[in-house]
Amino acid sequence: ELIKLNGSIELAPIVGLSEVIVDIVETGSTLRENGLTVLEEICPLSARVVVNPVSMKMDNARITQLIQAMRANLPGDRI
């Protein structure tokens, strides 16, 4: 049986709601803090910035500034 949970789903096995969970994790630290381990990676995921071509032309400076700000706050291997 599959059930959809929102929020802190790593608590589901702890409180007996599930035997396993599928979660999107960045570092896995929350899983470890709750005594859980990764059994299998289903697939790699990445975040994307999608910009409407017209918006990129009309508001290029602001969008470029936003992208640069995001890059400045991400580790180099994550860009």
C-alpha atoms as a PDB file:
ATOM      1  CA  GLU A   1       0.000   0.000   0.000  1.00  0.00           C
ATOM      2  CA  LEU A   2       1.264   3.485  -0.874  1.00  0.00           C
ATOM      3  CA  ILE A   3       0.323   6.520   1.177  1.00  0.00           C
ATOM      4  CA  LYS A   4       1.258  10.128   0.467  1.00  0.00           C
ATOM      5  CA  LEU A   5       2.721  12.052   3.375  1.00  0.00           C
ATOM      6  CA  ASN A   6       3.797  15.673   3.541  1.00  0.00           C
ATOM      7  CA  GLY A   7       6.221  17.280   5.912  1.00  0.00           C
ATOM      8  CA  SER A   8       8.631  15.347   8.107  1.00  0.00           C
ATOM      9  CA  ILE A   9       8.095  11.972   6.490  1.00  0.00           C
ATOM     10  CA  GLU A  10      11.194  10.524   8.150  1.00  0.00           C
ATOM     11  CA  LEU A  11       9.016  10.226  11.256  1.00  0.00           C
ATOM     12  CA  ALA A  12       6.614   7.778   9.544  1.00  0.00           C
ATOM     13  CA  PRO A  13       8.654   4.625  10.307  1.00  0.00           C
ATOM     14  CA  ILE A  14       9.342   5.820  13.851  1.00  0.00           C
ATOM     15  CA  VAL A  15       5.644   6.202  14.691  1.00  0.00           C
ATOM     16  CA  GLY A  16       4.638   3.043  12.836  1.00  0.00           C
ATOM     17  CA  LEU A  17       2.956   4.629   9.792  1.00  0.00           C
ATOM     18  CA  SER A  18       5.271   2.851   7.352  1.00  0.00           C
ATOM     19  CA  GLU A  19       8.063   0.342   7.008  1.00  0.00           C
ATOM     20  CA  VAL A  20       9.943   2.412   4.413  1.00  0.00           C
ATOM     21  CA  ILE A  21       9.757   5.910   2.930  1.00  0.00           C
ATOM     22  CA  VAL A  22      10.723   7.555  -0.352  1.00  0.00           C
ATOM     23  CA  ASP A  23      12.117  11.027   0.210  1.00  0.00           C
ATOM     24  CA  ILE A  24      14.075  13.682  -1.642  1.00  0.00           C
ATOM     25  CA  VAL A  25      17.185  14.317   0.432  1.00  0.00           C
ATOM     26  CA  GLU A  26      20.093  16.684   0.071  1.00  0.00           C
ATOM     27  CA  THR A  27      22.633  15.377   2.559  1.00  0.00           C
ATOM     28  CA  GLY A  28      20.818  12.581   4.381  1.00  0.00           C
ATOM     29  CA  SER A  29      21.572  14.109   7.787  1.00  0.00           C
ATOM     30  CA  THR A  30      17.898  14.239   8.834  1.00  0.00           C
ATOM     31  CA  LEU A  31      17.525  10.566   7.954  1.00  0.00           C
ATOM     32  CA  ARG A  32      20.586   9.673  10.045  1.00  0.00           C
ATOM     33  CA  GLU A  33      19.374  11.848  12.936  1.00  0.00           C
ATOM     34  CA  ASN A  34      16.207   9.740  12.964  1.00  0.00           C
ATOM     35  CA  GLY A  35      18.076   6.427  12.835  1.00  0.00           C
ATOM     36  CA  LEU A  36      17.266   5.730   9.175  1.00  0.00           C
ATOM     37  CA  THR A  37      19.586   4.631   6.375  1.00  0.00           C
ATOM     38  CA  VAL A  38      19.289   4.877   2.595  1.00  0.00           C
ATOM     39  CA  LEU A  39      18.439   1.460   1.146  1.00  0.00           C
ATOM     40  CA  GLU A  40      18.562   2.463  -2.514  1.00  0.00           C
ATOM     41  CA  GLU A  41      18.813   5.623  -4.586  1.00  0.00           C
ATOM     42  CA  ILE A  42      15.890   5.628  -6.999  1.00  0.00           C
ATOM     43  CA  CYS A  43      17.186   8.412  -9.233  1.00  0.00           C
ATOM     44  CA  PRO A  44      19.312  11.559  -9.038  1.00  0.00           C
ATOM     45  CA  LEU A  45      17.420  14.852  -8.996  1.00  0.00           C
ATOM     46  CA  SER A  46      18.385  18.439  -9.635  1.00  0.00           C
ATOM     47  CA  ALA A  47      16.754  21.827  -9.346  1.00  0.00           C
ATOM     48  CA  ARG A  48      16.399  23.998 -12.439  1.00  0.00           C
ATOM     49  CA  VAL A  49      15.690  27.663 -13.011  1.00  0.00           C
ATOM     50  CA  VAL A  50      13.229  28.010 -15.883  1.00  0.00           C
ATOM     51  CA  VAL A  51      12.713  31.446 -17.393  1.00  0.00           C
ATOM     52  CA  ASN A  52      10.171  32.479 -19.998  1.00  0.00           C
ATOM     53  CA  PRO A  53      12.142  33.760 -23.050  1.00  0.00           C
ATOM     54  CA  VAL A  54      10.106  36.978 -23.171  1.00  0.00           C
ATOM     55  CA  SER A  55      10.724  37.625 -19.466  1.00  0.00           C
ATOM     56  CA  MET A  56      14.438  36.989 -19.959  1.00  0.00           C
ATOM     57  CA  LYS A  57      14.523  39.681 -22.654  1.00  0.00           C
ATOM     58  CA  MET A  58      12.320  42.161 -20.802  1.00  0.00           C
ATOM     59  CA  ASP A  59      13.822  41.712 -17.322  1.00  0.00           C
ATOM     60  CA  ASN A  60      17.274  40.304 -18.068  1.00  0.00           C
ATOM     61  CA  ALA A  61      19.185  42.312 -15.474  1.00  0.00           C
ATOM     62  CA  ARG A  62      16.946  41.333 -12.559  1.00  0.00           C
ATOM     63  CA  ILE A  63      16.793  37.655 -13.565  1.00  0.00           C
ATOM     64  CA  THR A  64      20.559  37.502 -14.111  1.00  0.00           C
ATOM     65  CA  GLN A  65      21.095  39.110 -10.697  1.00  0.00           C
ATOM     66  CA  LEU A  66      18.818  36.519  -9.081  1.00  0.00           C
ATOM     67  CA  ILE A  67      20.685  33.640 -10.752  1.00  0.00           C
ATOM     68  CA  GLN A  68      24.043  35.086  -9.676  1.00  0.00           C
ATOM     69  CA  ALA A  69      22.791  35.435  -6.093  1.00  0.00           C
ATOM     70  CA  MET A  70      21.695  31.788  -6.067  1.00  0.00           C
ATOM     71  CA  ARG A  71      25.060  30.662  -7.472  1.00  0.00           C
ATOM     72  CA  ALA A  72      26.905  32.676  -4.831  1.00  0.00           C
ATOM     73  CA  ASN A  73      25.045  30.802  -2.095  1.00  0.00           C
ATOM     74  CA  LEU A  74      25.527  27.270  -3.454  1.00  0.00           C
ATOM     75  CA  PRO A  75      28.650  25.148  -3.088  1.00  0.00           C
ATOM     76  CA  GLY A  76      30.728  25.084  -6.286  1.00  0.00           C
ATOM     77  CA  ASP A  77      29.960  21.457  -7.076  1.00  0.00           C
ATOM     78  CA  ARG A  78      26.208  22.153  -6.997  1.00  0.00           C
ATOM     79  CA  ILE A  79      26.072  24.728  -9.800  1.00  0.00           C
END
